[in-house]
């Protein structure tokens, strides 16, 4: 049930291709096929229109990604996964980072309580 939620400020919408970023981060996560089940992966970007960064005097921007995982992965697996994912995000924004004020961040949220879910997408990939 890995979910990746990317929040980004509206002032980036015209400066970057968010669908391209979604494809890149999805590929990054799916390259860890032993710990990321393809049928459970959900990746999305949410444009933030109302925001204030620092003192609000500049046209600052941010991209914040939250990776939500169920339990069961080792610390080493989580570190490798997040290192690769954050490298992918930084690489996507490297040119923009050189041109404007931009904050990039990634957090990992691991569920400690049970999650409730129903998903028949997994079955499609088990057939292949």
N, C-alpha and C. Protein backbone atom coordinates (compact mmCIF):
# COMPACT_ATOMS: atom_id res chain seq x y z
N UNK A 1 0.79 -1.19 0.00
CA UNK A 1 0.00 0.00 0.00
C UNK A 1 0.84 1.26 0.00
N UNK A 2 1.97 1.25 -0.63
CA UNK A 2 2.77 2.48 -0.65
C UNK A 2 2.00 3.61 -1.34
N UNK A 3 1.95 4.74 -0.67
CA UNK A 3 1.35 5.94 -1.24
C UNK A 3 2.41 7.03 -1.21
N UNK A 4 2.56 7.73 -2.32
CA UNK A 4 3.46 8.88 -2.39
C UNK A 4 2.61 10.10 -2.73
N UNK A 5 2.63 11.07 -1.83
CA UNK A 5 1.88 12.31 -2.03
C UNK A 5 2.89 13.43 -2.16
N UNK A 6 2.83 14.13 -3.28
CA UNK A 6 3.75 15.24 -3.52
C UNK A 6 2.93 16.53 -3.51
N UNK A 7 3.23 17.39 -2.56
CA UNK A 7 2.61 18.71 -2.49
C UNK A 7 3.59 19.71 -3.10
N UNK A 8 3.06 20.61 -3.92
CA UNK A 8 3.93 21.61 -4.54
C UNK A 8 3.20 22.94 -4.64
N UNK A 9 3.94 24.03 -4.52
CA UNK A 9 3.34 25.35 -4.58
C UNK A 9 2.93 25.69 -6.01
N UNK A 10 1.83 26.41 -6.10
CA UNK A 10 1.24 26.73 -7.40
C UNK A 10 2.19 27.52 -8.30
N UNK A 11 3.13 28.25 -7.71
CA UNK A 11 4.06 29.03 -8.52
C UNK A 11 5.06 28.15 -9.29
N UNK A 12 5.00 26.84 -9.10
CA UNK A 12 5.86 25.93 -9.86
C UNK A 12 5.13 25.30 -11.05
N UNK A 13 3.82 25.45 -11.10
CA UNK A 13 3.02 24.73 -12.10
C UNK A 13 3.50 24.97 -13.53
N UNK A 14 3.84 26.19 -13.87
CA UNK A 14 4.27 26.50 -15.23
C UNK A 14 5.76 26.26 -15.46
N UNK A 15 6.49 25.96 -14.37
CA UNK A 15 7.94 25.83 -14.48
C UNK A 15 8.44 24.39 -14.51
N UNK A 16 7.57 23.44 -14.26
CA UNK A 16 8.00 22.05 -14.25
C UNK A 16 6.87 21.15 -14.72
N UNK A 17 7.21 19.98 -15.16
CA UNK A 17 6.24 19.00 -15.63
C UNK A 17 5.97 18.02 -14.49
N UNK A 18 4.87 18.21 -13.81
CA UNK A 18 4.57 17.37 -12.65
C UNK A 18 4.25 15.93 -13.05
N UNK A 19 3.62 15.73 -14.22
CA UNK A 19 3.37 14.35 -14.66
C UNK A 19 4.68 13.61 -14.92
N UNK A 20 5.65 14.33 -15.46
CA UNK A 20 6.97 13.73 -15.66
C UNK A 20 7.59 13.33 -14.32
N UNK A 21 7.47 14.22 -13.32
CA UNK A 21 7.97 13.90 -11.98
C UNK A 21 7.26 12.67 -11.43
N UNK A 22 5.94 12.60 -11.58
CA UNK A 22 5.20 11.44 -11.08
C UNK A 22 5.70 10.15 -11.71
N UNK A 23 5.96 10.19 -13.00
CA UNK A 23 6.47 8.99 -13.68
C UNK A 23 7.86 8.61 -13.15
N UNK A 24 8.71 9.62 -12.95
CA UNK A 24 10.06 9.36 -12.45
C UNK A 24 10.05 8.76 -11.05
N UNK A 25 9.25 9.34 -10.16
CA UNK A 25 9.24 8.83 -8.79
C UNK A 25 8.59 7.45 -8.72
N UNK A 26 7.58 7.24 -9.57
CA UNK A 26 6.96 5.91 -9.63
C UNK A 26 7.99 4.87 -10.07
N UNK A 27 8.75 5.21 -11.11
CA UNK A 27 9.80 4.30 -11.59
C UNK A 27 10.84 4.04 -10.49
N UNK A 28 11.19 5.10 -9.76
CA UNK A 28 12.17 4.94 -8.69
C UNK A 28 11.66 3.96 -7.65
N UNK A 29 10.41 4.12 -7.24
CA UNK A 29 9.84 3.22 -6.24
C UNK A 29 9.72 1.80 -6.78
N UNK A 30 9.27 1.67 -8.02
CA UNK A 30 9.07 0.34 -8.59
C UNK A 30 10.39 -0.38 -8.89
N UNK A 31 11.49 0.36 -8.91
CA UNK A 31 12.79 -0.30 -9.08
C UNK A 31 13.15 -1.12 -7.84
N UNK A 32 12.41 -0.92 -6.77
CA UNK A 32 12.58 -1.69 -5.53
C UNK A 32 11.44 -2.72 -5.43
N UNK A 33 11.34 -3.55 -6.44
CA UNK A 33 10.19 -4.45 -6.58
C UNK A 33 10.07 -5.47 -5.45
N UNK A 34 11.15 -5.74 -4.74
CA UNK A 34 11.05 -6.71 -3.64
C UNK A 34 10.39 -6.10 -2.40
N UNK A 35 10.32 -4.77 -2.34
CA UNK A 35 9.71 -4.13 -1.17
C UNK A 35 8.55 -3.20 -1.52
N UNK A 36 8.35 -2.91 -2.79
CA UNK A 36 7.23 -2.06 -3.23
C UNK A 36 6.35 -2.87 -4.17
N UNK A 37 5.16 -3.28 -3.72
CA UNK A 37 4.27 -4.03 -4.59
C UNK A 37 3.62 -3.12 -5.64
N UNK A 38 3.77 -3.47 -6.90
CA UNK A 38 3.28 -2.63 -7.99
C UNK A 38 1.78 -2.36 -7.88
N UNK A 39 1.01 -3.36 -7.50
CA UNK A 39 -0.43 -3.19 -7.44
C UNK A 39 -0.91 -2.31 -6.30
N UNK A 40 -0.05 -2.01 -5.36
CA UNK A 40 -0.44 -1.19 -4.22
C UNK A 40 0.03 0.25 -4.31
N UNK A 41 0.86 0.55 -5.31
CA UNK A 41 1.48 1.88 -5.39
C UNK A 41 0.48 2.93 -5.87
N UNK A 42 0.41 4.03 -5.14
CA UNK A 42 -0.42 5.18 -5.49
C UNK A 42 0.49 6.41 -5.42
N UNK A 43 0.59 7.13 -6.52
CA UNK A 43 1.44 8.31 -6.58
C UNK A 43 0.60 9.48 -7.08
N UNK A 44 0.66 10.59 -6.37
CA UNK A 44 -0.13 11.74 -6.76
C UNK A 44 0.56 13.04 -6.38
N UNK A 45 0.19 14.09 -7.10
CA UNK A 45 0.69 15.44 -6.82
C UNK A 45 -0.49 16.35 -6.53
N UNK A 46 -0.30 17.19 -5.53
CA UNK A 46 -1.35 18.11 -5.12
C UNK A 46 -0.79 19.53 -5.18
N UNK A 47 -1.41 20.35 -5.99
CA UNK A 47 -1.01 21.75 -6.11
C UNK A 47 -1.55 22.52 -4.91
N UNK A 48 -0.67 23.25 -4.26
CA UNK A 48 -1.04 24.06 -3.10
C UNK A 48 -1.17 25.52 -3.56
N UNK A 49 -2.38 26.03 -3.50
CA UNK A 49 -2.63 27.40 -3.95
C UNK A 49 -2.52 28.41 -2.82
N UNK A 50 -2.82 28.00 -1.62
CA UNK A 50 -2.73 28.89 -0.47
C UNK A 50 -1.54 28.46 0.37
N UNK A 51 -0.53 29.30 0.43
CA UNK A 51 0.68 28.98 1.17
C UNK A 51 1.43 30.26 1.50
N UNK A 52 2.29 30.18 2.47
CA UNK A 52 3.18 31.26 2.83
C UNK A 52 4.51 30.62 3.20
N UNK A 53 5.58 31.08 2.59
CA UNK A 53 6.90 30.51 2.84
C UNK A 53 7.79 31.61 3.43
N UNK A 54 8.49 31.26 4.48
CA UNK A 54 9.38 32.19 5.19
C UNK A 54 8.59 33.45 5.56
N UNK A 55 9.11 34.62 5.21
CA UNK A 55 8.41 35.86 5.59
C UNK A 55 7.46 36.34 4.49
N UNK A 56 7.36 35.58 3.40
CA UNK A 56 6.42 35.91 2.33
C UNK A 56 6.86 37.03 1.41
N UNK A 57 8.10 37.50 1.54
CA UNK A 57 8.53 38.63 0.72
C UNK A 57 9.10 38.23 -0.63
N UNK A 58 9.39 36.95 -0.83
CA UNK A 58 9.94 36.49 -2.10
C UNK A 58 8.98 35.48 -2.74
N UNK A 59 9.23 35.15 -4.00
CA UNK A 59 8.44 34.16 -4.71
C UNK A 59 9.04 32.77 -4.45
N UNK A 60 9.11 32.42 -3.17
CA UNK A 60 9.66 31.12 -2.79
C UNK A 60 8.71 30.01 -3.20
N UNK A 61 9.26 28.80 -3.30
CA UNK A 61 8.46 27.64 -3.69
C UNK A 61 8.91 26.44 -2.87
N UNK A 62 8.02 25.43 -2.79
CA UNK A 62 8.42 24.20 -2.13
C UNK A 62 7.78 23.00 -2.80
N UNK A 63 8.45 21.87 -2.62
CA UNK A 63 7.93 20.56 -3.00
C UNK A 63 8.17 19.67 -1.79
N UNK A 64 7.09 19.11 -1.26
CA UNK A 64 7.22 18.22 -0.11
C UNK A 64 6.57 16.89 -0.46
N UNK A 65 7.33 15.82 -0.35
CA UNK A 65 6.82 14.49 -0.64
C UNK A 65 6.67 13.71 0.66
N UNK A 66 5.57 13.00 0.77
CA UNK A 66 5.32 12.12 1.92
C UNK A 66 5.14 10.71 1.37
N UNK A 67 6.00 9.81 1.80
CA UNK A 67 5.90 8.41 1.42
C UNK A 67 5.28 7.67 2.60
N UNK A 68 4.12 7.06 2.35
CA UNK A 68 3.42 6.31 3.39
C UNK A 68 3.56 4.83 3.09
N UNK A 69 4.05 4.10 4.08
CA UNK A 69 4.29 2.66 3.93
C UNK A 69 3.67 1.90 5.08
N UNK A 70 3.23 0.70 4.78
CA UNK A 70 2.86 -0.22 5.84
C UNK A 70 4.13 -0.75 6.48
N UNK A 71 4.01 -1.39 7.61
CA UNK A 71 5.17 -1.92 8.30
C UNK A 71 5.75 -3.14 7.60
N UNK A 72 6.91 -3.56 8.07
CA UNK A 72 7.50 -4.79 7.57
C UNK A 72 8.79 -4.64 6.80
N UNK A 73 9.20 -3.42 6.52
CA UNK A 73 10.46 -3.21 5.80
C UNK A 73 11.57 -2.92 6.81
N UNK A 74 12.78 -3.36 6.48
CA UNK A 74 13.90 -3.11 7.38
C UNK A 74 14.32 -1.65 7.31
N UNK A 75 15.09 -1.21 8.29
CA UNK A 75 15.62 0.16 8.28
C UNK A 75 16.49 0.39 7.05
N UNK A 76 17.26 -0.61 6.68
CA UNK A 76 18.13 -0.50 5.50
C UNK A 76 17.29 -0.34 4.23
N UNK A 77 16.22 -1.11 4.12
CA UNK A 77 15.34 -1.01 2.94
C UNK A 77 14.70 0.37 2.87
N UNK A 78 14.21 0.87 3.99
CA UNK A 78 13.57 2.19 4.01
C UNK A 78 14.58 3.28 3.67
N UNK A 79 15.79 3.16 4.19
CA UNK A 79 16.81 4.18 3.89
C UNK A 79 17.17 4.17 2.40
N UNK A 80 17.38 3.00 1.84
CA UNK A 80 17.71 2.90 0.42
C UNK A 80 16.57 3.45 -0.43
N UNK A 81 15.36 3.08 -0.10
CA UNK A 81 14.18 3.54 -0.82
C UNK A 81 14.08 5.07 -0.79
N UNK A 82 14.20 5.65 0.38
CA UNK A 82 14.09 7.11 0.52
C UNK A 82 15.27 7.84 -0.11
N UNK A 83 16.48 7.29 0.01
CA UNK A 83 17.63 7.92 -0.64
C UNK A 83 17.44 7.97 -2.16
N UNK A 84 17.00 6.86 -2.74
CA UNK A 84 16.78 6.83 -4.19
C UNK A 84 15.65 7.77 -4.60
N UNK A 85 14.58 7.77 -3.83
CA UNK A 85 13.43 8.61 -4.14
C UNK A 85 13.80 10.09 -4.05
N UNK A 86 14.51 10.48 -2.99
CA UNK A 86 14.87 11.89 -2.85
C UNK A 86 15.87 12.31 -3.93
N UNK A 87 16.77 11.42 -4.31
CA UNK A 87 17.70 11.72 -5.40
C UNK A 87 16.94 11.96 -6.70
N UNK A 88 15.89 11.20 -6.94
CA UNK A 88 15.06 11.37 -8.14
C UNK A 88 14.37 12.72 -8.12
N UNK A 89 13.84 13.09 -6.98
CA UNK A 89 13.16 14.39 -6.85
C UNK A 89 14.16 15.53 -7.06
N UNK A 90 15.31 15.45 -6.41
CA UNK A 90 16.32 16.50 -6.56
C UNK A 90 16.78 16.61 -8.01
N UNK A 91 16.97 15.48 -8.66
CA UNK A 91 17.42 15.49 -10.05
C UNK A 91 16.37 16.16 -10.96
N UNK A 92 15.10 15.89 -10.70
CA UNK A 92 14.04 16.50 -11.51
C UNK A 92 14.06 18.02 -11.42
N UNK A 93 14.39 18.54 -10.25
CA UNK A 93 14.33 19.98 -10.01
C UNK A 93 15.69 20.67 -10.07
N UNK A 94 16.73 19.98 -10.51
CA UNK A 94 18.08 20.53 -10.44
C UNK A 94 18.22 21.87 -11.16
N UNK A 95 17.67 21.99 -12.36
CA UNK A 95 17.79 23.26 -13.10
C UNK A 95 16.98 24.37 -12.45
N UNK A 96 15.79 24.04 -12.01
CA UNK A 96 14.93 25.02 -11.36
C UNK A 96 15.53 25.49 -10.03
N UNK A 97 16.17 24.57 -9.33
CA UNK A 97 16.80 24.88 -8.05
C UNK A 97 17.90 25.93 -8.23
N UNK A 98 18.57 25.90 -9.37
CA UNK A 98 19.64 26.86 -9.66
C UNK A 98 19.07 28.25 -10.00
N UNK A 99 17.81 28.33 -10.42
CA UNK A 99 17.21 29.58 -10.91
C UNK A 99 16.37 30.32 -9.88
N UNK A 100 15.83 29.61 -8.90
CA UNK A 100 14.87 30.24 -7.98
C UNK A 100 15.03 29.69 -6.57
N UNK A 101 14.38 30.33 -5.62
CA UNK A 101 14.38 29.83 -4.25
C UNK A 101 13.38 28.68 -4.16
N UNK A 102 13.88 27.53 -3.73
CA UNK A 102 13.08 26.31 -3.76
C UNK A 102 13.50 25.39 -2.62
N UNK A 103 12.52 24.93 -1.86
CA UNK A 103 12.77 23.98 -0.77
C UNK A 103 12.22 22.62 -1.18
N UNK A 104 13.05 21.60 -1.10
CA UNK A 104 12.66 20.22 -1.42
C UNK A 104 12.75 19.40 -0.14
N UNK A 105 11.75 18.54 0.08
CA UNK A 105 11.79 17.70 1.27
C UNK A 105 11.02 16.41 1.03
N UNK A 106 11.39 15.40 1.82
CA UNK A 106 10.75 14.09 1.77
C UNK A 106 10.65 13.57 3.18
N UNK A 107 9.49 13.04 3.54
CA UNK A 107 9.34 12.39 4.83
C UNK A 107 8.76 11.00 4.61
N UNK A 108 9.12 10.11 5.50
CA UNK A 108 8.60 8.75 5.48
C UNK A 108 7.64 8.60 6.64
N UNK A 109 6.46 8.11 6.34
CA UNK A 109 5.48 7.82 7.38
C UNK A 109 5.18 6.33 7.31
N UNK A 110 5.49 5.64 8.38
CA UNK A 110 5.24 4.21 8.44
C UNK A 110 4.05 3.97 9.37
N UNK A 111 3.03 3.30 8.85
CA UNK A 111 1.84 3.03 9.64
C UNK A 111 2.17 2.07 10.78
N UNK A 112 1.75 2.42 11.96
CA UNK A 112 1.94 1.54 13.10
C UNK A 112 0.63 0.87 13.49
N UNK A 113 -0.48 1.46 13.08
CA UNK A 113 -1.80 0.88 13.34
C UNK A 113 -2.28 0.14 12.10
N UNK A 114 -3.23 -0.77 12.26
CA UNK A 114 -3.75 -1.48 11.09
C UNK A 114 -4.36 -0.51 10.09
N UNK A 115 -4.26 -0.84 8.83
CA UNK A 115 -4.93 -0.07 7.78
C UNK A 115 -6.05 -0.92 7.21
N UNK A 116 -7.04 -0.27 6.71
CA UNK A 116 -8.20 -0.95 6.15
C UNK A 116 -8.20 -0.68 4.66
N UNK A 117 -8.20 -1.75 3.88
CA UNK A 117 -8.08 -1.57 2.44
C UNK A 117 -8.69 -2.76 1.72
N UNK A 118 -9.08 -2.50 0.50
CA UNK A 118 -9.57 -3.54 -0.41
C UNK A 118 -9.03 -3.17 -1.78
N UNK A 119 -8.35 -4.09 -2.43
CA UNK A 119 -7.65 -3.76 -3.67
C UNK A 119 -7.57 -5.01 -4.54
N UNK A 120 -8.22 -4.97 -5.69
CA UNK A 120 -8.12 -6.12 -6.60
C UNK A 120 -7.09 -5.88 -7.71
N UNK A 121 -6.35 -4.79 -7.63
CA UNK A 121 -5.32 -4.51 -8.64
C UNK A 121 -4.16 -5.49 -8.51
N UNK A 122 -3.84 -5.90 -7.30
CA UNK A 122 -2.75 -6.86 -7.10
C UNK A 122 -2.94 -8.12 -7.94
N UNK A 123 -4.16 -8.58 -8.04
CA UNK A 123 -4.45 -9.82 -8.77
C UNK A 123 -4.03 -9.72 -10.23
N UNK A 124 -4.18 -8.56 -10.83
CA UNK A 124 -3.78 -8.38 -12.23
C UNK A 124 -2.29 -8.64 -12.40
N UNK A 125 -1.48 -8.20 -11.47
CA UNK A 125 -0.03 -8.37 -11.59
C UNK A 125 0.41 -9.77 -11.19
N UNK A 126 -0.36 -10.47 -10.40
CA UNK A 126 -0.02 -11.84 -10.05
C UNK A 126 -0.23 -12.78 -11.23
N UNK A 127 -1.10 -12.41 -12.18
CA UNK A 127 -1.36 -13.23 -13.36
C UNK A 127 -0.20 -13.19 -14.33
N UNK A 128 0.53 -12.06 -14.31
CA UNK A 128 1.61 -11.85 -15.31
C UNK A 128 2.84 -12.65 -14.97
